[in-house]
Amino acid sequence: MVAINNLCQKDIFIPVGRAKRLYSYIFGDDLDFYEEFTIHLSDEEQERFFDANPDFMSKFSVGRDKMYLLRDRRFRRVLRKIKEYEDKHKRNV
């Protein structure tokens, strides 16, 4: 939150809402980016996006042939839970 407040000082003014979106865009994960920007693309556009960005979603075990699953909110929720569990496990090791 400090970083967002720093963006809204008088030298450089960015509205708080826009600063929050920028912050989440920069520091968010691929799944956040997918939900915000990529989910609304057509299947063909998504295929081109995934082809152009092969490392995108590499932390999640979803192959290109199964990317249609990403449109399902419950599936994305499961992916988040798996990622949280793995991150927590890595910190405890």
PDB file of N, CA and C in Angstrom:
ATOM      1  N   MET A   1       0.810  -1.186   0.000  1.00  0.00           N
ATOM      2  CA  MET A   1       0.000   0.000   0.000  1.00  0.00           C
ATOM      3  C   MET A   1       0.858   1.256   0.000  1.00  0.00           C
ATOM      4  N   VAL A   2       2.044   1.150   0.594  1.00  0.00           N
ATOM      5  CA  VAL A   2       2.954   2.293   0.615  1.00  0.00           C
ATOM      6  C   VAL A   2       3.345   2.673  -0.798  1.00  0.00           C
ATOM      7  N   ALA A   3       3.611   1.662  -1.636  1.00  0.00           N
ATOM      8  CA  ALA A   3       3.998   1.946  -3.020  1.00  0.00           C
ATOM      9  C   ALA A   3       2.883   2.672  -3.751  1.00  0.00           C
ATOM     10  N   ILE A   4       1.651   2.277  -3.509  1.00  0.00           N
ATOM     11  CA  ILE A   4       0.524   2.945  -4.155  1.00  0.00           C
ATOM     12  C   ILE A   4       0.425   4.385  -3.683  1.00  0.00           C
ATOM     13  N   ASN A   5       0.573   4.617  -2.399  1.00  0.00           N
ATOM     14  CA  ASN A   5       0.521   5.984  -1.880  1.00  0.00           C
ATOM     15  C   ASN A   5       1.652   6.824  -2.439  1.00  0.00           C
ATOM     16  N   ASN A   6       2.815   6.242  -2.661  1.00  0.00           N
ATOM     17  CA  ASN A   6       3.937   6.984  -3.231  1.00  0.00           C
ATOM     18  C   ASN A   6       3.652   7.417  -4.659  1.00  0.00           C
ATOM     19  N   LEU A   7       2.862   6.613  -5.389  1.00  0.00           N
ATOM     20  CA  LEU A   7       2.516   6.989  -6.760  1.00  0.00           C
ATOM     21  C   LEU A   7       1.530   8.148  -6.805  1.00  0.00           C
ATOM     22  N   CYS A   8       0.868   8.423  -5.710  1.00  0.00           N
ATOM     23  CA  CYS A   8      -0.176   9.445  -5.680  1.00  0.00           C
ATOM     24  C   CYS A   8       0.292  10.741  -5.025  1.00  0.00           C
ATOM     25  N   GLN A   9       1.579  10.946  -4.948  1.00  0.00           N
ATOM     26  CA  GLN A   9       2.081  12.182  -4.365  1.00  0.00           C
ATOM     27  C   GLN A   9       2.020  13.300  -5.390  1.00  0.00           C
ATOM     28  N   LYS A  10       2.315  14.508  -4.962  1.00  0.00           N
ATOM     29  CA  LYS A  10       2.105  15.659  -5.828  1.00  0.00           C
ATOM     30  C   LYS A  10       3.042  15.704  -7.032  1.00  0.00           C
ATOM     31  N   ASP A  11       4.236  15.105  -6.962  1.00  0.00           N
ATOM     32  CA  ASP A  11       5.167  15.138  -8.093  1.00  0.00           C
ATOM     33  C   ASP A  11       4.616  14.358  -9.290  1.00  0.00           C
ATOM     34  N   ILE A  12       4.132  13.175  -9.018  1.00  0.00           N
ATOM     35  CA  ILE A  12       3.544  12.336 -10.054  1.00  0.00           C
ATOM     36  C   ILE A  12       2.183  11.910  -9.531  1.00  0.00           C
ATOM     37  N   PHE A  13       1.140  12.398 -10.143  1.00  0.00           N
ATOM     38  CA  PHE A  13      -0.183  12.049  -9.639  1.00  0.00           C
ATOM     39  C   PHE A  13      -0.811  10.982 -10.510  1.00  0.00           C
ATOM     40  N   ILE A  14      -1.116   9.867  -9.896  1.00  0.00           N
ATOM     41  CA  ILE A  14      -1.890   8.809 -10.523  1.00  0.00           C
ATOM     42  C   ILE A  14      -3.049   8.538  -9.578  1.00  0.00           C
ATOM     43  N   PRO A  15      -4.268   8.562 -10.071  1.00  0.00           N
ATOM     44  CA  PRO A  15      -5.397   8.279  -9.187  1.00  0.00           C
ATOM     45  C   PRO A  15      -5.222   6.925  -8.484  1.00  0.00           C
ATOM     46  N   VAL A  16      -5.704   6.832  -7.272  1.00  0.00           N
ATOM     47  CA  VAL A  16      -5.490   5.640  -6.449  1.00  0.00           C
ATOM     48  C   VAL A  16      -5.978   4.382  -7.156  1.00  0.00           C
ATOM     49  N   GLY A  17      -7.136   4.436  -7.783  1.00  0.00           N
ATOM     50  CA  GLY A  17      -7.665   3.260  -8.483  1.00  0.00           C
ATOM     51  C   GLY A  17      -6.736   2.789  -9.587  1.00  0.00           C
ATOM     52  N   ARG A  18      -6.227   3.737 -10.363  1.00  0.00           N
ATOM     53  CA  ARG A  18      -5.310   3.394 -11.451  1.00  0.00           C
ATOM     54  C   ARG A  18      -3.981   2.879 -10.888  1.00  0.00           C
ATOM     55  N   ALA A  19      -3.528   3.463  -9.799  1.00  0.00           N
ATOM     56  CA  ALA A  19      -2.283   3.013  -9.172  1.00  0.00           C
ATOM     57  C   ALA A  19      -2.422   1.577  -8.663  1.00  0.00           C
ATOM     58  N   LYS A  20      -3.587   1.253  -8.096  1.00  0.00           N
ATOM     59  CA  LYS A  20      -3.814  -0.122  -7.626  1.00  0.00           C
ATOM     60  C   LYS A  20      -3.792  -1.101  -8.791  1.00  0.00           C
ATOM     61  N   ARG A  21      -4.426  -0.726  -9.898  1.00  0.00           N
ATOM     62  CA  ARG A  21      -4.415  -1.613 -11.076  1.00  0.00           C
ATOM     63  C   ARG A  21      -3.003  -1.778 -11.623  1.00  0.00           C
ATOM     64  N   LEU A  22      -2.237  -0.700 -11.664  1.00  0.00           N
ATOM     65  CA  LEU A  22      -0.860  -0.767 -12.126  1.00  0.00           C
ATOM     66  C   LEU A  22      -0.024  -1.657 -11.215  1.00  0.00           C
ATOM     67  N   TYR A  23      -0.192  -1.484  -9.913  1.00  0.00           N
ATOM     68  CA  TYR A  23       0.541  -2.280  -8.929  1.00  0.00           C
ATOM     69  C   TYR A  23       0.214  -3.763  -9.094  1.00  0.00           C
ATOM     70  N   SER A  24      -1.079  -4.091  -9.233  1.00  0.00           N
ATOM     71  CA  SER A  24      -1.448  -5.495  -9.387  1.00  0.00           C
ATOM     72  C   SER A  24      -0.986  -6.038 -10.733  1.00  0.00           C
ATOM     73  N   TYR A  25      -0.945  -5.185 -11.763  1.00  0.00           N
ATOM     74  CA  TYR A  25      -0.451  -5.609 -13.073  1.00  0.00           C
ATOM     75  C   TYR A  25       1.028  -5.957 -12.999  1.00  0.00           C
ATOM     76  N   ILE A  26       1.799  -5.147 -12.302  1.00  0.00           N
ATOM     77  CA  ILE A  26       3.237  -5.367 -12.214  1.00  0.00           C
ATOM     78  C   ILE A  26       3.569  -6.535 -11.299  1.00  0.00           C
ATOM     79  N   PHE A  27       2.903  -6.610 -10.150  1.00  0.00           N
ATOM     80  CA  PHE A  27       3.264  -7.600  -9.148  1.00  0.00           C
ATOM     81  C   PHE A  27       2.325  -8.805  -9.087  1.00  0.00           C
ATOM     82  N   GLY A  28       1.308  -8.810  -9.920  1.00  0.00           N
ATOM     83  CA  GLY A  28       0.379  -9.934  -9.942  1.00  0.00           C
ATOM     84  C   GLY A  28       0.984 -11.136 -10.659  1.00  0.00           C
ATOM     85  N   ASP A  29       0.324 -12.267 -10.551  1.00  0.00           N
ATOM     86  CA  ASP A  29       0.818 -13.447 -11.238  1.00  0.00           C
ATOM     87  C   ASP A  29       0.109 -13.605 -12.581  1.00  0.00           C
ATOM     88  N   ASP A  30       0.486 -14.626 -13.312  1.00  0.00           N
ATOM     89  CA  ASP A  30      -0.072 -14.847 -14.640  1.00  0.00           C
ATOM     90  C   ASP A  30      -1.574 -15.087 -14.600  1.00  0.00           C
ATOM     91  N   LEU A  31      -2.047 -15.732 -13.567  1.00  0.00           N
ATOM     92  CA  LEU A  31      -3.479 -16.006 -13.476  1.00  0.00           C
ATOM     93  C   LEU A  31      -4.270 -14.707 -13.301  1.00  0.00           C
ATOM     94  N   ASP A  32      -3.732 -13.779 -12.528  1.00  0.00           N
ATOM     95  CA  ASP A  32      -4.364 -12.462 -12.394  1.00  0.00           C
ATOM     96  C   ASP A  32      -4.420 -11.759 -13.746  1.00  0.00           C
ATOM     97  N   PHE A  33      -3.314 -11.791 -14.470  1.00  0.00           N
ATOM     98  CA  PHE A  33      -3.244 -11.159 -15.790  1.00  0.00           C
ATOM     99  C   PHE A  33      -4.248 -11.810 -16.731  1.00  0.00           C
ATOM    100  N   TYR A  34      -4.312 -13.145 -16.686  1.00  0.00           N
ATOM    101  CA  TYR A  34      -5.257 -13.858 -17.545  1.00  0.00           C
ATOM    102  C   TYR A  34      -6.684 -13.393 -17.269  1.00  0.00           C
ATOM    103  N   GLU A  35      -7.052 -13.334 -15.987  1.00  0.00           N
ATOM    104  CA  GLU A  35      -8.414 -12.944 -15.625  1.00  0.00           C
ATOM    105  C   GLU A  35      -8.721 -11.497 -16.010  1.00  0.00           C
ATOM    106  N   GLU A  36      -7.728 -10.654 -15.951  1.00  0.00           N
ATOM    107  CA  GLU A  36      -7.950  -9.239 -16.229  1.00  0.00           C
ATOM    108  C   GLU A  36      -7.972  -8.933 -17.732  1.00  0.00           C
ATOM    109  N   PHE A  37      -7.096  -9.557 -18.491  1.00  0.00           N
ATOM    110  CA  PHE A  37      -6.906  -9.147 -19.882  1.00  0.00           C
ATOM    111  C   PHE A  37      -7.162 -10.238 -20.918  1.00  0.00           C
ATOM    112  N   THR A  38      -6.752 -11.449 -20.658  1.00  0.00           N
ATOM    113  CA  THR A  38      -6.728 -12.477 -21.688  1.00  0.00           C
ATOM    114  C   THR A  38      -8.014 -13.279 -21.780  1.00  0.00           C
ATOM    115  N   ILE A  39      -8.741 -13.391 -20.693  1.00  0.00           N
ATOM    116  CA  ILE A  39      -9.930 -14.246 -20.663  1.00  0.00           C
ATOM    117  C   ILE A  39     -10.978 -13.812 -21.687  1.00  0.00           C
ATOM    118  N   HIS A  40     -11.025 -12.556 -22.028  1.00  0.00           N
ATOM    119  CA  HIS A  40     -12.051 -12.032 -22.924  1.00  0.00           C
ATOM    120  C   HIS A  40     -11.672 -12.147 -24.403  1.00  0.00           C
ATOM    121  N   LEU A  41     -10.486 -12.634 -24.693  1.00  0.00           N
ATOM    122  CA  LEU A  41     -10.070 -12.818 -26.085  1.00  0.00           C
ATOM    123  C   LEU A  41     -10.777 -14.042 -26.667  1.00  0.00           C
ATOM    124  N   SER A  42     -10.907 -14.063 -27.970  1.00  0.00           N
ATOM    125  CA  SER A  42     -11.478 -15.240 -28.624  1.00  0.00           C
ATOM    126  C   SER A  42     -10.487 -16.399 -28.508  1.00  0.00           C
ATOM    127  N   ASP A  43     -10.934 -17.604 -28.805  1.00  0.00           N
ATOM    128  CA  ASP A  43     -10.056 -18.774 -28.730  1.00  0.00           C
ATOM    129  C   ASP A  43      -8.841 -18.613 -29.638  1.00  0.00           C
ATOM    130  N   GLU A  44      -9.074 -18.095 -30.833  1.00  0.00           N
ATOM    131  CA  GLU A  44      -7.970 -17.893 -31.781  1.00  0.00           C
ATOM    132  C   GLU A  44      -6.973 -16.862 -31.250  1.00  0.00           C
ATOM    133  N   GLU A  45      -7.482 -15.770 -30.691  1.00  0.00           N
ATOM    134  CA  GLU A  45      -6.603 -14.743 -30.127  1.00  0.00           C
ATOM    135  C   GLU A  45      -5.827 -15.280 -28.928  1.00  0.00           C
ATOM    136  N   GLN A  46      -6.480 -16.095 -28.108  1.00  0.00           N
ATOM    137  CA  GLN A  46      -5.778 -16.696 -26.976  1.00  0.00           C
ATOM    138  C   GLN A  46      -4.672 -17.630 -27.461  1.00  0.00           C
ATOM    139  N   GLU A  47      -4.948 -18.409 -28.481  1.00  0.00           N
ATOM    140  CA  GLU A  47      -3.912 -19.299 -29.027  1.00  0.00           C
ATOM    141  C   GLU A  47      -2.719 -18.499 -29.509  1.00  0.00           C
ATOM    142  N   ARG A  48      -2.976 -17.407 -30.216  1.00  0.00           N
ATOM    143  CA  ARG A  48      -1.870 -16.561 -30.693  1.00  0.00           C
ATOM    144  C   ARG A  48      -1.112 -15.964 -29.516  1.00  0.00           C
ATOM    145  N   PHE A  49      -1.841 -15.536 -28.474  1.00  0.00           N
ATOM    146  CA  PHE A  49      -1.198 -14.969 -27.297  1.00  0.00           C
ATOM    147  C   PHE A  49      -0.307 -16.013 -26.621  1.00  0.00           C
ATOM    148  N   PHE A  50      -0.828 -17.221 -26.444  1.00  0.00           N
ATOM    149  CA  PHE A  50      -0.042 -18.283 -25.811  1.00  0.00           C
ATOM    150  C   PHE A  50       1.156 -18.672 -26.684  1.00  0.00           C
ATOM    151  N   ASP A  51       0.986 -18.656 -28.000  1.00  0.00           N
ATOM    152  CA  ASP A  51       2.114 -18.947 -28.903  1.00  0.00           C
ATOM    153  C   ASP A  51       3.191 -17.876 -28.796  1.00  0.00           C
ATOM    154  N   ALA A  52       2.767 -16.622 -28.717  1.00  0.00           N
ATOM    155  CA  ALA A  52       3.714 -15.515 -28.653  1.00  0.00           C
ATOM    156  C   ALA A  52       4.381 -15.401 -27.276  1.00  0.00           C
ATOM    157  N   ASN A  53       3.759 -15.971 -26.248  1.00  0.00           N
ATOM    158  CA  ASN A  53       4.277 -15.892 -24.880  1.00  0.00           C
ATOM    159  C   ASN A  53       4.335 -17.287 -24.269  1.00  0.00           C
ATOM    160  N   PRO A  54       5.294 -18.102 -24.705  1.00  0.00           N
ATOM    161  CA  PRO A  54       5.331 -19.506 -24.258  1.00  0.00           C
ATOM    162  C   PRO A  54       5.550 -19.685 -22.756  1.00  0.00           C
ATOM    163  N   ASP A  55       6.132 -18.705 -22.084  1.00  0.00           N
ATOM    164  CA  ASP A  55       6.357 -18.826 -20.643  1.00  0.00           C
ATOM    165  C   ASP A  55       5.133 -18.420 -19.821  1.00  0.00           C
ATOM    166  N   PHE A  56       4.142 -17.849 -20.481  1.00  0.00           N
ATOM    167  CA  PHE A  56       2.938 -17.413 -19.783  1.00  0.00           C
ATOM    168  C   PHE A  56       2.221 -18.629 -19.208  1.00  0.00           C
ATOM    169  N   MET A  57       1.849 -18.553 -17.941  1.00  0.00           N
ATOM    170  CA  MET A  57       1.156 -19.614 -17.203  1.00  0.00           C
ATOM    171  C   MET A  57       2.027 -20.848 -17.006  1.00  0.00           C
ATOM    172  N   SER A  58       3.343 -20.707 -17.128  1.00  0.00           N
ATOM    173  CA  SER A  58       4.233 -21.859 -16.967  1.00  0.00           C
ATOM    174  C   SER A  58       4.270 -22.362 -15.527  1.00  0.00           C
ATOM    175  N   LYS A  59       3.897 -21.516 -14.560  1.00  0.00           N
ATOM    176  CA  LYS A  59       3.863 -21.945 -13.161  1.00  0.00           C
ATOM    177  C   LYS A  59       2.626 -22.787 -12.860  1.00  0.00           C
ATOM    178  N   PHE A  60       1.685 -22.783 -13.778  1.00  0.00           N
ATOM    179  CA  PHE A  60       0.465 -23.563 -13.615  1.00  0.00           C
ATOM    180  C   PHE A  60       0.486 -24.700 -14.633  1.00  0.00           C
ATOM    181  N   SER A  61       0.037 -25.851 -14.223  1.00  0.00           N
ATOM    182  CA  SER A  61       0.121 -27.018 -15.112  1.00  0.00           C
ATOM    183  C   SER A  61      -1.102 -27.088 -16.023  1.00  0.00           C
ATOM    184  N   VAL A  62      -1.152 -26.154 -16.961  1.00  0.00           N
ATOM    185  CA  VAL A  62      -2.230 -26.129 -17.942  1.00  0.00           C
ATOM    186  C   VAL A  62      -1.588 -26.057 -19.313  1.00  0.00           C
ATOM    187  N   GLY A  63      -1.740 -27.117 -20.077  1.00  0.00           N
ATOM    188  CA  GLY A  63      -1.183 -27.127 -21.419  1.00  0.00           C
ATOM    189  C   GLY A  63      -2.052 -26.342 -22.377  1.00  0.00           C
ATOM    190  N   ARG A  64      -1.515 -26.023 -23.512  1.00  0.00           N
ATOM    191  CA  ARG A  64      -2.262 -25.254 -24.512  1.00  0.00           C
ATOM    192  C   ARG A  64      -3.519 -25.984 -24.941  1.00  0.00           C
ATOM    193  N   ASP A  65      -3.457 -27.317 -24.951  1.00  0.00           N
ATOM    194  CA  ASP A  65      -4.622 -28.084 -25.371  1.00  0.00           C
ATOM    195  C   ASP A  65      -5.753 -28.046 -24.348  1.00  0.00           C
ATOM    196  N   LYS A  66      -5.462 -27.599 -23.136  1.00  0.00           N
ATOM    197  CA  LYS A  66      -6.468 -27.523 -22.071  1.00  0.00           C
ATOM    198  C   LYS A  66      -6.750 -26.090 -21.628  1.00  0.00           C
ATOM    199  N   MET A  67      -6.342 -25.109 -22.434  1.00  0.00           N
ATOM    200  CA  MET A  67      -6.505 -23.724 -22.003  1.00  0.00           C
ATOM    201  C   MET A  67      -7.967 -23.307 -21.906  1.00  0.00           C
ATOM    202  N   TYR A  68      -8.865 -24.052 -22.529  1.00  0.00           N
ATOM    203  CA  TYR A  68     -10.288 -23.743 -22.400  1.00  0.00           C
ATOM    204  C   TYR A  68     -10.746 -23.880 -20.943  1.00  0.00           C
ATOM    205  N   LEU A  69     -10.032 -24.688 -20.157  1.00  0.00           N
ATOM    206  CA  LEU A  69     -10.374 -24.846 -18.744  1.00  0.00           C
ATOM    207  C   LEU A  69     -10.180 -23.549 -17.966  1.00  0.00           C
ATOM    208  N   LEU A  70      -9.292 -22.688 -18.441  1.00  0.00           N
ATOM    209  CA  LEU A  70      -9.023 -21.435 -17.739  1.00  0.00           C
ATOM    210  C   LEU A  70     -10.238 -20.510 -17.698  1.00  0.00           C
ATOM    211  N   ARG A  71     -11.178 -20.722 -18.583  1.00  0.00           N
ATOM    212  CA  ARG A  71     -12.382 -19.891 -18.586  1.00  0.00           C
ATOM    213  C   ARG A  71     -13.312 -20.227 -17.416  1.00  0.00           C
ATOM    214  N   ASP A  72     -13.102 -21.398 -16.812  1.00  0.00           N
ATOM    215  CA  ASP A  72     -13.942 -21.828 -15.691  1.00  0.00           C
ATOM    216  C   ASP A  72     -13.421 -21.243 -14.383  1.00  0.00           C
ATOM    217  N   ARG A  73     -14.266 -20.471 -13.712  1.00  0.00           N
ATOM    218  CA  ARG A  73     -13.882 -19.805 -12.459  1.00  0.00           C
ATOM    219  C   ARG A  73     -13.454 -20.809 -11.391  1.00  0.00           C
ATOM    220  N   ARG A  74     -14.152 -21.940 -11.291  1.00  0.00           N
ATOM    221  CA  ARG A  74     -13.807 -22.945 -10.275  1.00  0.00           C
ATOM    222  C   ARG A  74     -12.431 -23.544 -10.541  1.00  0.00           C
ATOM    223  N   PHE A  75     -12.121 -23.769 -11.810  1.00  0.00           N
ATOM    224  CA  PHE A  75     -10.809 -24.309 -12.161  1.00  0.00           C
ATOM    225  C   PHE A  75      -9.708 -23.331 -11.778  1.00  0.00           C
ATOM    226  N   ARG A  76      -9.920 -22.044 -12.046  1.00  0.00           N
ATOM    227  CA  ARG A  76      -8.926 -21.037 -11.672  1.00  0.00           C
ATOM    228  C   ARG A  76      -8.772 -20.968 -10.162  1.00  0.00           C
ATOM    229  N   ARG A  77      -9.869 -21.125  -9.434  1.00  0.00           N
ATOM    230  CA  ARG A  77      -9.805 -21.136  -7.974  1.00  0.00           C
ATOM    231  C   ARG A  77      -8.962 -22.310  -7.480  1.00  0.00           C
ATOM    232  N   VAL A  78      -9.121 -23.475  -8.103  1.00  0.00           N
ATOM    233  CA  VAL A  78      -8.307 -24.646  -7.745  1.00  0.00           C
ATOM    234  C   VAL A  78      -6.839 -24.375  -8.039  1.00  0.00           C
ATOM    235  N   LEU A  79      -6.553 -23.768  -9.180  1.00  0.00           N
ATOM    236  CA  LEU A  79      -5.164 -23.429  -9.513  1.00  0.00           C
ATOM    237  C   LEU A  79      -4.559 -22.495  -8.468  1.00  0.00           C
ATOM    238  N   ARG A  80      -5.331 -21.517  -8.006  1.00  0.00           N
ATOM    239  CA  ARG A  80      -4.843 -20.599  -6.973  1.00  0.00           C
ATOM    240  C   ARG A  80      -4.543 -21.348  -5.673  1.00  0.00           C
ATOM    241  N   LYS A  81      -5.427 -22.269  -5.296  1.00  0.00           N
ATOM    242  CA  LYS A  81      -5.227 -23.046  -4.064  1.00  0.00           C
ATOM    243  C   LYS A  81      -3.961 -23.892  -4.174  1.00  0.00           C
ATOM    244  N   ILE A  82      -3.746 -24.492  -5.317  1.00  0.00           N
ATOM    245  CA  ILE A  82      -2.537 -25.298  -5.530  1.00  0.00           C
ATOM    246  C   ILE A  82      -1.302 -24.415  -5.418  1.00  0.00           C
ATOM    247  N   LYS A  83      -1.341 -23.249  -6.055  1.00  0.00           N
ATOM    248  CA  LYS A  83      -0.201 -22.329  -6.005  1.00  0.00           C
ATOM    249  C   LYS A  83       0.059 -21.855  -4.579  1.00  0.00           C
ATOM    250  N   GLU A  84      -1.002 -21.521  -3.837  1.00  0.00           N
ATOM    251  CA  GLU A  84      -0.840 -21.101  -2.439  1.00  0.00           C
ATOM    252  C   GLU A  84      -0.207 -22.217  -1.617  1.00  0.00           C
ATOM    253  N   TYR A  85      -0.664 -23.435  -1.818  1.00  0.00           N
ATOM    254  CA  TYR A  85      -0.112 -24.572  -1.083  1.00  0.00           C
ATOM    255  C   TYR A  85       1.366 -24.761  -1.411  1.00  0.00           C
ATOM    256  N   GLU A  86       1.708 -24.709  -2.696  1.00  0.00           N
ATOM    257  CA  GLU A  86       3.113 -24.876  -3.100  1.00  0.00           C
ATOM    258  C   GLU A  86       3.978 -23.762  -2.551  1.00  0.00           C
ATOM    259  N   ASP A  87       3.491 -22.523  -2.609  1.00  0.00           N
ATOM    260  CA  ASP A  87       4.265 -21.392  -2.071  1.00  0.00           C
ATOM    261  C   ASP A  87       4.475 -21.536  -0.572  1.00  0.00           C
ATOM    262  N   LYS A  88       3.437 -21.932   0.142  1.00  0.00           N
ATOM    263  CA  LYS A  88       3.542 -22.125   1.577  1.00  0.00           C
ATOM    264  C   LYS A  88       4.511 -23.256   1.905  1.00  0.00           C
ATOM    265  N   HIS A  89       4.458 -24.323   1.116  1.00  0.00           N
ATOM    266  CA  HIS A  89       5.353 -25.466   1.337  1.00  0.00           C
ATOM    267  C   HIS A  89       6.809 -25.068   1.083  1.00  0.00           C
ATOM    268  N   LYS A  90       7.051 -24.251   0.062  1.00  0.00           N
ATOM    269  CA  LYS A  90       8.410 -23.798  -0.255  1.00  0.00           C
ATOM    270  C   LYS A  90       8.984 -22.948   0.869  1.00  0.00           C
ATOM    271  N   ARG A  91       8.128 -22.116   1.483  1.00  0.00           N
ATOM    272  CA  ARG A  91       8.593 -21.255   2.575  1.00  0.00           C
ATOM    273  C   ARG A  91       8.915 -22.071   3.825  1.00  0.00           C
ATOM    274  N   ASN A  92       8.231 -23.170   4.028  1.00  0.00           N
ATOM    275  CA  ASN A  92       8.442 -23.991   5.216  1.00  0.00           C
ATOM    276  C   ASN A  92       9.618 -24.958   5.086  1.00  0.00           C
ATOM    277  N   VAL A  93      10.112 -25.151   3.882  1.00  0.00           N
ATOM    278  CA  VAL A  93      11.219 -26.099   3.675  1.00  0.00           C
ATOM    279  C   VAL A  93      12.524 -25.449   3.923  1.00  0.00           C
TER     280      VAL A  93
END
